[in-house]
């Protein structure tokens, strides 16, 4: 089974800005079970976007890879789906 195609990020640490290496991704807010609906965010030509559910500011940083964030703790790893494989 292939891994998730769209990276997922959260802001459990409560930082003011999460830098990401992609312009299209999913925001889940906080870690489960306190996550909000997983919403697709697309920056388009812009370099930042605010999640309409949790108000997290995401900022694109070209030096980061698709599955990286700053802080790195904001990358969500779905261990439940990995365990099911």
N, C-alpha and C. Protein backbone atom coordinates (compact mmCIF):
# COMPACT_ATOMS: atom_id res chain seq x y z
N UNK A 1 0.85 -1.18 0.00
CA UNK A 1 0.00 0.00 0.00
C UNK A 1 0.89 1.24 0.00
N UNK A 2 0.56 2.20 -0.83
CA UNK A 2 1.36 3.42 -0.93
C UNK A 2 1.09 4.33 0.26
N UNK A 3 2.08 5.15 0.59
CA UNK A 3 1.92 6.12 1.67
C UNK A 3 0.98 7.24 1.22
N UNK A 4 0.65 8.09 2.16
CA UNK A 4 -0.27 9.17 1.81
C UNK A 4 0.40 10.10 0.80
N UNK A 5 -0.37 10.54 -0.17
CA UNK A 5 0.16 11.36 -1.24
C UNK A 5 0.28 12.83 -0.83
N UNK A 6 -0.56 13.28 0.08
CA UNK A 6 -0.58 14.67 0.50
C UNK A 6 -0.05 14.74 1.94
N UNK A 7 1.01 15.52 2.18
CA UNK A 7 1.53 15.64 3.54
C UNK A 7 0.50 16.23 4.50
N UNK A 8 0.56 15.80 5.75
CA UNK A 8 -0.34 16.29 6.79
C UNK A 8 0.49 16.98 7.87
N UNK A 9 0.01 18.14 8.31
CA UNK A 9 0.70 18.90 9.35
C UNK A 9 -0.29 19.29 10.44
N UNK A 10 0.23 19.57 11.62
CA UNK A 10 -0.58 20.00 12.76
C UNK A 10 0.18 21.08 13.51
N UNK A 11 -0.49 21.70 14.48
CA UNK A 11 0.18 22.70 15.31
C UNK A 11 -0.05 22.40 16.78
N UNK A 12 0.16 21.17 17.16
CA UNK A 12 0.06 20.77 18.57
C UNK A 12 0.97 21.61 19.47
N UNK A 13 2.20 21.96 19.01
CA UNK A 13 3.07 22.77 19.87
C UNK A 13 2.57 24.21 20.09
N UNK A 14 1.66 24.68 19.23
CA UNK A 14 1.12 26.02 19.39
C UNK A 14 2.07 27.13 18.96
N UNK A 15 2.90 26.85 17.96
CA UNK A 15 3.84 27.86 17.47
C UNK A 15 3.11 28.88 16.60
N UNK A 16 3.65 30.11 16.49
CA UNK A 16 2.97 31.14 15.70
C UNK A 16 3.01 30.88 14.19
N UNK A 17 4.06 30.21 13.69
CA UNK A 17 4.20 29.92 12.26
C UNK A 17 4.77 28.52 12.10
N UNK A 18 4.19 27.76 11.15
CA UNK A 18 4.74 26.46 10.78
C UNK A 18 5.25 26.59 9.36
N UNK A 19 6.56 26.40 9.16
CA UNK A 19 7.15 26.44 7.82
C UNK A 19 7.04 25.05 7.22
N UNK A 20 6.62 24.98 5.96
CA UNK A 20 6.45 23.70 5.27
C UNK A 20 7.13 23.76 3.91
N UNK A 21 7.47 22.60 3.38
CA UNK A 21 8.16 22.51 2.10
C UNK A 21 7.26 22.24 0.92
N UNK A 22 5.95 22.35 1.10
CA UNK A 22 4.98 22.15 0.03
C UNK A 22 3.94 23.26 0.07
N UNK A 23 3.26 23.46 -1.04
CA UNK A 23 2.22 24.48 -1.08
C UNK A 23 0.82 23.87 -1.04
N UNK A 24 0.74 22.55 -1.13
CA UNK A 24 -0.54 21.83 -1.04
C UNK A 24 -0.39 20.75 0.02
N UNK A 25 -1.26 20.77 1.02
CA UNK A 25 -1.13 19.85 2.14
C UNK A 25 -2.43 19.82 2.93
N UNK A 26 -2.46 18.96 3.94
CA UNK A 26 -3.60 18.85 4.83
C UNK A 26 -3.22 19.39 6.21
N UNK A 27 -4.13 20.16 6.80
CA UNK A 27 -3.96 20.60 8.19
C UNK A 27 -4.94 19.80 9.03
N UNK A 28 -4.45 19.28 10.16
CA UNK A 28 -5.33 18.54 11.06
C UNK A 28 -5.51 19.25 12.40
N UNK A 29 -4.90 20.42 12.55
CA UNK A 29 -5.06 21.21 13.77
C UNK A 29 -4.17 20.73 14.89
N UNK A 30 -4.71 19.84 15.72
CA UNK A 30 -3.96 19.25 16.83
C UNK A 30 -3.85 17.75 16.57
N UNK A 31 -3.15 17.07 17.45
CA UNK A 31 -3.03 15.62 17.30
C UNK A 31 -4.33 14.92 17.69
N UNK A 32 -4.66 13.80 17.01
CA UNK A 32 -5.85 13.04 17.39
C UNK A 32 -5.75 12.61 18.85
N UNK A 33 -6.82 12.59 19.57
CA UNK A 33 -8.21 12.73 19.14
C UNK A 33 -8.73 14.16 19.15
N UNK A 34 -7.88 15.14 19.28
CA UNK A 34 -8.31 16.54 19.37
C UNK A 34 -8.15 17.29 18.04
N UNK A 35 -7.96 16.55 16.95
CA UNK A 35 -7.80 17.16 15.64
C UNK A 35 -9.13 17.74 15.14
N UNK A 36 -9.01 18.70 14.22
CA UNK A 36 -10.20 19.23 13.56
C UNK A 36 -10.38 18.48 12.24
N UNK A 37 -11.46 18.72 11.50
CA UNK A 37 -11.57 18.05 10.19
C UNK A 37 -10.30 18.30 9.37
N UNK A 38 -9.83 17.26 8.73
CA UNK A 38 -8.59 17.36 7.97
C UNK A 38 -8.89 18.13 6.69
N UNK A 39 -8.36 19.35 6.59
CA UNK A 39 -8.69 20.23 5.48
C UNK A 39 -7.50 20.38 4.54
N UNK A 40 -7.82 20.39 3.25
CA UNK A 40 -6.81 20.58 2.22
C UNK A 40 -6.56 22.07 2.06
N UNK A 41 -5.29 22.45 2.14
CA UNK A 41 -4.90 23.85 1.96
C UNK A 41 -4.00 23.95 0.73
N UNK A 42 -4.24 24.96 -0.09
CA UNK A 42 -3.47 25.19 -1.31
C UNK A 42 -3.05 26.65 -1.35
N UNK A 43 -1.76 26.91 -1.25
CA UNK A 43 -1.25 28.28 -1.27
C UNK A 43 -1.30 28.92 -2.65
N UNK A 44 -1.38 28.11 -3.69
CA UNK A 44 -1.35 28.65 -5.05
C UNK A 44 -0.06 29.41 -5.28
N UNK A 45 -0.16 30.66 -5.76
CA UNK A 45 1.02 31.47 -6.04
C UNK A 45 1.56 32.17 -4.78
N UNK A 46 0.79 32.13 -3.70
CA UNK A 46 1.21 32.77 -2.45
C UNK A 46 2.26 31.92 -1.73
N UNK A 47 2.84 32.48 -0.68
CA UNK A 47 3.84 31.76 0.10
C UNK A 47 3.38 31.49 1.52
N UNK A 48 2.13 31.84 1.84
CA UNK A 48 1.59 31.51 3.15
C UNK A 48 0.09 31.41 3.09
N UNK A 49 -0.46 30.70 4.08
CA UNK A 49 -1.91 30.49 4.16
C UNK A 49 -2.27 30.26 5.62
N UNK A 50 -3.47 30.67 5.98
CA UNK A 50 -3.98 30.46 7.34
C UNK A 50 -5.08 29.42 7.29
N UNK A 51 -4.98 28.41 8.16
CA UNK A 51 -6.02 27.38 8.24
C UNK A 51 -7.31 28.02 8.79
N UNK A 52 -8.42 27.81 8.11
CA UNK A 52 -9.69 28.41 8.53
C UNK A 52 -10.26 27.77 9.79
N UNK A 53 -9.79 26.59 10.17
CA UNK A 53 -10.29 25.94 11.38
C UNK A 53 -9.49 26.33 12.62
N UNK A 54 -8.16 26.27 12.54
CA UNK A 54 -7.35 26.46 13.74
C UNK A 54 -6.52 27.74 13.73
N UNK A 55 -6.59 28.49 12.65
CA UNK A 55 -5.87 29.76 12.50
C UNK A 55 -4.35 29.62 12.51
N UNK A 56 -3.84 28.43 12.22
CA UNK A 56 -2.39 28.26 12.10
C UNK A 56 -1.91 28.92 10.83
N UNK A 57 -0.84 29.69 10.94
CA UNK A 57 -0.22 30.30 9.77
C UNK A 57 0.85 29.34 9.25
N UNK A 58 0.68 28.89 8.01
CA UNK A 58 1.67 28.05 7.35
C UNK A 58 2.41 28.90 6.33
N UNK A 59 3.73 28.76 6.32
CA UNK A 59 4.56 29.55 5.41
C UNK A 59 5.44 28.59 4.61
N UNK A 60 5.44 28.75 3.29
CA UNK A 60 6.27 27.92 2.41
C UNK A 60 7.74 28.29 2.55
N UNK A 61 8.58 27.25 2.69
CA UNK A 61 10.03 27.45 2.72
C UNK A 61 10.64 26.46 1.73
N UNK A 62 11.22 26.99 0.66
CA UNK A 62 11.73 26.16 -0.44
C UNK A 62 12.80 25.16 -0.01
N UNK A 63 13.54 25.43 1.03
CA UNK A 63 14.61 24.53 1.47
C UNK A 63 14.13 23.27 2.18
N UNK A 64 12.85 23.20 2.49
CA UNK A 64 12.30 22.02 3.17
C UNK A 64 11.76 21.02 2.14
N UNK A 65 11.85 19.75 2.46
CA UNK A 65 11.28 18.70 1.61
C UNK A 65 9.78 18.59 1.90
N UNK A 66 9.09 17.84 1.07
CA UNK A 66 7.63 17.71 1.18
C UNK A 66 7.17 17.19 2.53
N UNK A 67 7.91 16.31 3.13
CA UNK A 67 7.51 15.72 4.41
C UNK A 67 8.25 16.37 5.58
N UNK A 68 8.69 17.61 5.42
CA UNK A 68 9.40 18.31 6.49
C UNK A 68 8.65 19.57 6.88
N UNK A 69 8.86 19.98 8.12
CA UNK A 69 8.29 21.22 8.63
C UNK A 69 9.27 21.81 9.63
N UNK A 70 9.08 23.07 9.92
CA UNK A 70 9.86 23.72 10.97
C UNK A 70 8.86 24.43 11.87
N UNK A 71 8.63 23.87 13.05
CA UNK A 71 9.36 22.77 13.70
C UNK A 71 8.94 21.40 13.16
N UNK A 72 9.89 20.49 13.14
CA UNK A 72 9.66 19.15 12.61
C UNK A 72 8.57 18.40 13.38
N UNK A 73 8.34 18.78 14.62
CA UNK A 73 7.29 18.14 15.44
C UNK A 73 5.90 18.36 14.86
N UNK A 74 5.74 19.28 13.92
CA UNK A 74 4.43 19.57 13.34
C UNK A 74 4.07 18.68 12.16
N UNK A 75 4.93 17.73 11.80
CA UNK A 75 4.61 16.76 10.76
C UNK A 75 3.81 15.64 11.42
N UNK A 76 2.65 15.31 10.83
CA UNK A 76 1.83 14.24 11.39
C UNK A 76 2.16 12.93 10.71
N UNK A 77 2.48 11.93 11.53
CA UNK A 77 2.74 10.58 11.07
C UNK A 77 1.59 9.71 11.54
N UNK A 78 0.78 9.24 10.61
CA UNK A 78 -0.39 8.42 10.95
C UNK A 78 0.06 7.01 11.31
N UNK A 79 0.39 6.81 12.56
CA UNK A 79 0.89 5.50 13.00
C UNK A 79 -0.20 4.44 12.97
N UNK A 80 -1.46 4.84 13.02
CA UNK A 80 -2.56 3.86 12.98
C UNK A 80 -2.61 3.19 11.61
N UNK A 81 -2.48 3.97 10.52
CA UNK A 81 -2.54 3.37 9.19
C UNK A 81 -1.28 2.58 8.89
N UNK A 82 -0.12 2.99 9.42
CA UNK A 82 1.11 2.26 9.23
C UNK A 82 1.03 0.92 9.94
N UNK A 83 0.45 0.89 11.15
CA UNK A 83 0.31 -0.36 11.91
C UNK A 83 -0.63 -1.33 11.20
N UNK A 84 -1.59 -0.81 10.45
CA UNK A 84 -2.56 -1.66 9.77
C UNK A 84 -1.98 -2.34 8.54
N UNK A 85 -0.86 -1.85 8.03
CA UNK A 85 -0.27 -2.41 6.80
C UNK A 85 0.38 -3.74 7.01
